[in-house]
Amino acid sequence: MKPETPAEFIRKYPRTTAHIISESLGYATPSTAGRIGLDGLHGRENYCEWIASCYRGNARECLERSIRNRHSHEGFMADYRLAQRLVDHYLETEEEPLLASWF
């Protein structure tokens, strides 16, 4: 069964959520990444500022690119390990950064 909420997406696909954060260069918080991933999984548009600007609202394209580029998510601004720690912390506490994961 496909997840129906961003939180369910994050719990089911924590690594993909972290890769979406990395692909966003830290723009997306865990819940934003979960919403993008959920919309992409269901083929829905998403109009957060990053997706609207870079993907014309196409959340599926972002989801696919995040997965396809997963091996390049390292270094400054695209650090998968940091993103994974943020996702793990979110799953444990439901706490996350307010505006962006990092800048």
N, C-alpha and C. Protein backbone atom coordinates (compact mmCIF):
# COMPACT_ATOMS: atom_id res chain seq x y z
N MET A 1 0.84 -1.19 0.00
CA MET A 1 0.00 0.00 0.00
C MET A 1 0.88 1.24 0.00
N LYS A 2 0.48 2.21 -0.80
CA LYS A 2 1.20 3.48 -0.87
C LYS A 2 0.87 4.32 0.36
N PRO A 3 1.86 5.03 0.86
CA PRO A 3 1.59 5.94 1.98
C PRO A 3 0.56 6.99 1.57
N GLU A 4 -0.19 7.47 2.54
CA GLU A 4 -1.23 8.47 2.28
C GLU A 4 -0.94 9.82 2.91
N THR A 5 0.05 9.90 3.78
CA THR A 5 0.42 11.17 4.41
C THR A 5 1.93 11.36 4.28
N PRO A 6 2.40 12.61 4.40
CA PRO A 6 3.85 12.83 4.38
C PRO A 6 4.57 12.04 5.46
N ALA A 7 4.00 11.97 6.65
CA ALA A 7 4.63 11.22 7.74
C ALA A 7 4.76 9.74 7.41
N GLU A 8 3.72 9.17 6.79
CA GLU A 8 3.80 7.77 6.36
C GLU A 8 4.88 7.57 5.30
N PHE A 9 5.00 8.53 4.38
CA PHE A 9 6.05 8.44 3.36
C PHE A 9 7.43 8.45 4.03
N ILE A 10 7.62 9.35 4.98
CA ILE A 10 8.92 9.45 5.67
C ILE A 10 9.23 8.15 6.41
N ARG A 11 8.25 7.59 7.10
CA ARG A 11 8.47 6.34 7.83
C ARG A 11 8.77 5.19 6.88
N LYS A 12 8.08 5.13 5.76
CA LYS A 12 8.26 4.02 4.82
C LYS A 12 9.52 4.19 3.97
N TYR A 13 9.87 5.44 3.65
CA TYR A 13 11.00 5.72 2.76
C TYR A 13 11.95 6.75 3.38
N PRO A 14 12.55 6.46 4.53
CA PRO A 14 13.40 7.47 5.17
C PRO A 14 14.64 7.83 4.34
N ARG A 15 15.22 6.86 3.65
CA ARG A 15 16.40 7.17 2.84
C ARG A 15 16.03 8.03 1.64
N THR A 16 14.92 7.73 1.01
CA THR A 16 14.47 8.55 -0.12
C THR A 16 14.17 9.97 0.36
N THR A 17 13.57 10.09 1.52
CA THR A 17 13.30 11.41 2.09
C THR A 17 14.61 12.18 2.27
N ALA A 18 15.63 11.51 2.79
CA ALA A 18 16.93 12.16 2.97
C ALA A 18 17.54 12.54 1.62
N HIS A 19 17.35 11.72 0.61
CA HIS A 19 17.89 12.06 -0.71
C HIS A 19 17.15 13.25 -1.32
N ILE A 20 15.86 13.40 -1.05
CA ILE A 20 15.14 14.58 -1.52
C ILE A 20 15.70 15.82 -0.85
N ILE A 21 15.98 15.74 0.44
CA ILE A 21 16.60 16.87 1.15
C ILE A 21 17.95 17.20 0.52
N SER A 22 18.74 16.19 0.25
CA SER A 22 20.05 16.41 -0.36
C SER A 22 19.92 17.00 -1.75
N GLU A 23 19.01 16.49 -2.53
CA GLU A 23 18.78 17.00 -3.89
C GLU A 23 18.36 18.47 -3.85
N SER A 24 17.65 18.85 -2.79
CA SER A 24 17.19 20.23 -2.64
C SER A 24 18.31 21.16 -2.16
N LEU A 25 19.47 20.60 -1.90
CA LEU A 25 20.61 21.36 -1.34
C LEU A 25 20.26 21.97 0.00
N GLY A 26 19.42 21.26 0.74
CA GLY A 26 19.07 21.68 2.09
C GLY A 26 17.83 22.55 2.18
N TYR A 27 17.21 22.86 1.06
CA TYR A 27 16.00 23.67 1.09
C TYR A 27 14.88 22.94 1.83
N ALA A 28 14.67 21.69 1.51
CA ALA A 28 13.54 20.93 2.05
C ALA A 28 13.83 20.46 3.48
N THR A 29 12.86 20.62 4.35
CA THR A 29 12.91 20.01 5.67
C THR A 29 12.40 18.57 5.53
N PRO A 30 12.52 17.74 6.55
CA PRO A 30 11.99 16.38 6.43
C PRO A 30 10.50 16.33 6.04
N SER A 31 9.67 17.17 6.66
CA SER A 31 8.24 17.11 6.32
C SER A 31 7.99 17.63 4.90
N THR A 32 8.74 18.63 4.47
CA THR A 32 8.60 19.11 3.09
C THR A 32 9.04 18.03 2.11
N ALA A 33 10.14 17.38 2.40
CA ALA A 33 10.62 16.29 1.54
C ALA A 33 9.61 15.15 1.52
N GLY A 34 8.99 14.86 2.66
CA GLY A 34 7.96 13.83 2.71
C GLY A 34 6.75 14.18 1.86
N ARG A 35 6.37 15.45 1.89
CA ARG A 35 5.24 15.90 1.08
C ARG A 35 5.58 15.83 -0.41
N ILE A 36 6.79 16.23 -0.78
CA ILE A 36 7.23 16.16 -2.18
C ILE A 36 7.26 14.70 -2.63
N GLY A 37 7.86 13.84 -1.81
CA GLY A 37 7.92 12.42 -2.15
C GLY A 37 6.55 11.79 -2.28
N LEU A 38 5.65 12.13 -1.36
CA LEU A 38 4.29 11.60 -1.41
C LEU A 38 3.58 12.05 -2.68
N ASP A 39 3.69 13.35 -2.98
CA ASP A 39 3.05 13.85 -4.20
C ASP A 39 3.65 13.21 -5.44
N GLY A 40 4.97 13.03 -5.45
CA GLY A 40 5.61 12.37 -6.58
C GLY A 40 5.16 10.93 -6.73
N LEU A 41 5.06 10.23 -5.62
CA LEU A 41 4.63 8.83 -5.64
C LEU A 41 3.21 8.69 -6.20
N HIS A 42 2.36 9.64 -5.86
CA HIS A 42 0.96 9.60 -6.30
C HIS A 42 0.74 10.34 -7.62
N GLY A 43 1.80 10.89 -8.20
CA GLY A 43 1.68 11.59 -9.48
C GLY A 43 0.98 12.94 -9.38
N ARG A 44 1.06 13.56 -8.21
CA ARG A 44 0.41 14.86 -8.01
C ARG A 44 1.43 15.98 -8.16
N GLU A 45 0.94 17.15 -8.46
CA GLU A 45 1.81 18.31 -8.52
C GLU A 45 2.07 18.81 -7.11
N ASN A 46 3.18 19.53 -6.95
CA ASN A 46 3.55 20.10 -5.67
C ASN A 46 4.07 21.50 -5.97
N TYR A 47 3.59 22.47 -5.22
CA TYR A 47 3.98 23.83 -5.53
C TYR A 47 4.72 24.52 -4.39
N CYS A 48 5.55 23.76 -3.67
CA CYS A 48 6.47 24.45 -2.78
C CYS A 48 7.41 25.25 -3.71
N GLU A 49 8.01 26.27 -3.18
CA GLU A 49 8.81 27.18 -4.00
C GLU A 49 9.86 26.46 -4.84
N TRP A 50 10.59 25.53 -4.24
CA TRP A 50 11.65 24.82 -4.95
C TRP A 50 11.10 23.98 -6.10
N ILE A 51 10.05 23.22 -5.86
CA ILE A 51 9.48 22.35 -6.90
C ILE A 51 8.84 23.20 -7.99
N ALA A 52 8.15 24.27 -7.62
CA ALA A 52 7.55 25.14 -8.62
C ALA A 52 8.61 25.77 -9.51
N SER A 53 9.71 26.21 -8.93
CA SER A 53 10.76 26.89 -9.69
C SER A 53 11.60 25.94 -10.53
N CYS A 54 11.99 24.82 -9.95
CA CYS A 54 12.94 23.92 -10.62
C CYS A 54 12.29 22.80 -11.42
N TYR A 55 11.07 22.43 -11.06
CA TYR A 55 10.42 21.28 -11.70
C TYR A 55 9.04 21.61 -12.26
N ARG A 56 8.69 22.91 -12.32
CA ARG A 56 7.38 23.32 -12.83
C ARG A 56 6.23 22.60 -12.13
N GLY A 57 6.44 22.31 -10.84
CA GLY A 57 5.41 21.65 -10.04
C GLY A 57 5.39 20.13 -10.14
N ASN A 58 6.30 19.56 -10.93
CA ASN A 58 6.30 18.12 -11.18
C ASN A 58 7.07 17.39 -10.07
N ALA A 59 6.35 16.98 -9.04
CA ALA A 59 6.97 16.32 -7.89
C ALA A 59 7.55 14.96 -8.28
N ARG A 60 6.94 14.27 -9.23
CA ARG A 60 7.45 12.96 -9.65
C ARG A 60 8.84 13.09 -10.26
N GLU A 61 9.05 14.12 -11.06
CA GLU A 61 10.36 14.34 -11.66
C GLU A 61 11.41 14.55 -10.57
N CYS A 62 11.07 15.31 -9.55
CA CYS A 62 11.99 15.52 -8.43
C CYS A 62 12.27 14.22 -7.70
N LEU A 63 11.23 13.45 -7.43
CA LEU A 63 11.41 12.17 -6.74
C LEU A 63 12.33 11.26 -7.55
N GLU A 64 12.09 11.15 -8.83
CA GLU A 64 12.93 10.30 -9.69
C GLU A 64 14.37 10.80 -9.74
N ARG A 65 14.55 12.10 -9.86
CA ARG A 65 15.91 12.66 -9.92
C ARG A 65 16.64 12.46 -8.59
N SER A 66 15.91 12.60 -7.49
CA SER A 66 16.52 12.39 -6.17
C SER A 66 17.04 10.97 -6.02
N ILE A 67 16.28 10.02 -6.52
CA ILE A 67 16.70 8.61 -6.45
C ILE A 67 17.84 8.36 -7.43
N ARG A 68 17.71 8.85 -8.64
CA ARG A 68 18.73 8.64 -9.67
C ARG A 68 20.07 9.26 -9.27
N ASN A 69 20.04 10.42 -8.62
CA ASN A 69 21.26 11.13 -8.24
C ASN A 69 21.78 10.75 -6.85
N ARG A 70 21.22 9.72 -6.25
CA ARG A 70 21.54 9.40 -4.85
C ARG A 70 23.02 9.18 -4.59
N HIS A 71 23.75 8.70 -5.57
CA HIS A 71 25.18 8.44 -5.35
C HIS A 71 26.03 9.71 -5.38
N SER A 72 25.44 10.81 -5.79
CA SER A 72 26.19 12.07 -5.82
C SER A 72 25.84 12.99 -4.67
N HIS A 73 25.04 12.54 -3.73
CA HIS A 73 24.63 13.39 -2.61
C HIS A 73 25.67 13.36 -1.50
N GLU A 74 26.70 14.12 -1.72
CA GLU A 74 27.77 14.24 -0.72
C GLU A 74 28.39 15.62 -0.83
N GLY A 75 29.09 15.99 0.20
CA GLY A 75 29.75 17.29 0.21
C GLY A 75 28.83 18.42 0.62
N PHE A 76 29.39 19.60 0.60
CA PHE A 76 28.71 20.81 1.04
C PHE A 76 27.38 20.99 0.31
N MET A 77 26.32 21.25 1.03
CA MET A 77 24.97 21.53 0.56
C MET A 77 24.19 20.31 0.07
N ALA A 78 24.82 19.17 -0.14
CA ALA A 78 24.08 17.98 -0.60
C ALA A 78 24.47 16.77 0.24
N ASP A 79 24.72 16.98 1.52
CA ASP A 79 25.26 15.95 2.40
C ASP A 79 24.18 14.95 2.84
N TYR A 80 24.18 13.78 2.23
CA TYR A 80 23.19 12.75 2.56
C TYR A 80 23.26 12.34 4.03
N ARG A 81 24.46 12.23 4.57
CA ARG A 81 24.58 11.79 5.97
C ARG A 81 23.90 12.77 6.92
N LEU A 82 24.08 14.05 6.67
CA LEU A 82 23.41 15.06 7.50
C LEU A 82 21.90 14.99 7.30
N ALA A 83 21.48 14.84 6.07
CA ALA A 83 20.04 14.72 5.79
C ALA A 83 19.46 13.49 6.49
N GLN A 84 20.19 12.38 6.47
CA GLN A 84 19.70 11.17 7.13
C GLN A 84 19.57 11.38 8.63
N ARG A 85 20.50 12.09 9.23
CA ARG A 85 20.39 12.39 10.67
C ARG A 85 19.16 13.25 10.96
N LEU A 86 18.88 14.22 10.08
CA LEU A 86 17.69 15.05 10.26
C LEU A 86 16.41 14.21 10.17
N VAL A 87 16.37 13.31 9.21
CA VAL A 87 15.20 12.43 9.05
C VAL A 87 15.06 11.52 10.27
N ASP A 88 16.16 10.93 10.72
CA ASP A 88 16.11 10.07 11.91
C ASP A 88 15.61 10.85 13.13
N HIS A 89 16.10 12.08 13.30
CA HIS A 89 15.67 12.91 14.42
C HIS A 89 14.18 13.23 14.29
N TYR A 90 13.73 13.53 13.09
CA TYR A 90 12.32 13.79 12.86
C TYR A 90 11.47 12.56 13.22
N LEU A 91 11.92 11.39 12.82
CA LEU A 91 11.16 10.17 13.11
C LEU A 91 11.10 9.88 14.61
N GLU A 92 12.13 10.24 15.33
CA GLU A 92 12.17 10.01 16.78
C GLU A 92 11.36 11.05 17.55
N THR A 93 11.41 12.32 17.11
CA THR A 93 10.87 13.41 17.92
C THR A 93 9.80 14.25 17.23
N GLU A 94 9.64 14.11 15.93
CA GLU A 94 8.79 14.96 15.10
C GLU A 94 9.24 16.41 15.11
N GLU A 95 10.50 16.66 15.47
CA GLU A 95 11.08 18.00 15.42
C GLU A 95 11.91 18.13 14.16
N GLU A 96 11.91 19.35 13.59
CA GLU A 96 12.68 19.60 12.40
C GLU A 96 13.01 21.08 12.33
N PRO A 97 13.95 21.48 11.48
CA PRO A 97 14.23 22.90 11.29
C PRO A 97 12.98 23.64 10.81
N LEU A 98 12.89 24.93 11.09
CA LEU A 98 11.68 25.68 10.75
C LEU A 98 11.59 26.06 9.28
N LEU A 99 12.65 26.56 8.70
CA LEU A 99 12.56 27.12 7.34
C LEU A 99 13.24 26.28 6.28
N ALA A 100 14.34 25.67 6.61
CA ALA A 100 15.10 24.86 5.67
C ALA A 100 15.97 23.93 6.50
N SER A 101 16.46 22.87 5.88
CA SER A 101 17.28 21.93 6.64
C SER A 101 18.65 22.51 6.95
N TRP A 102 19.23 23.20 6.00
CA TRP A 102 20.49 23.90 6.23
C TRP A 102 20.71 24.91 5.13
N PHE A 103 21.48 25.95 5.42
CA PHE A 103 21.95 26.93 4.42
C PHE A 103 23.25 27.45 4.89
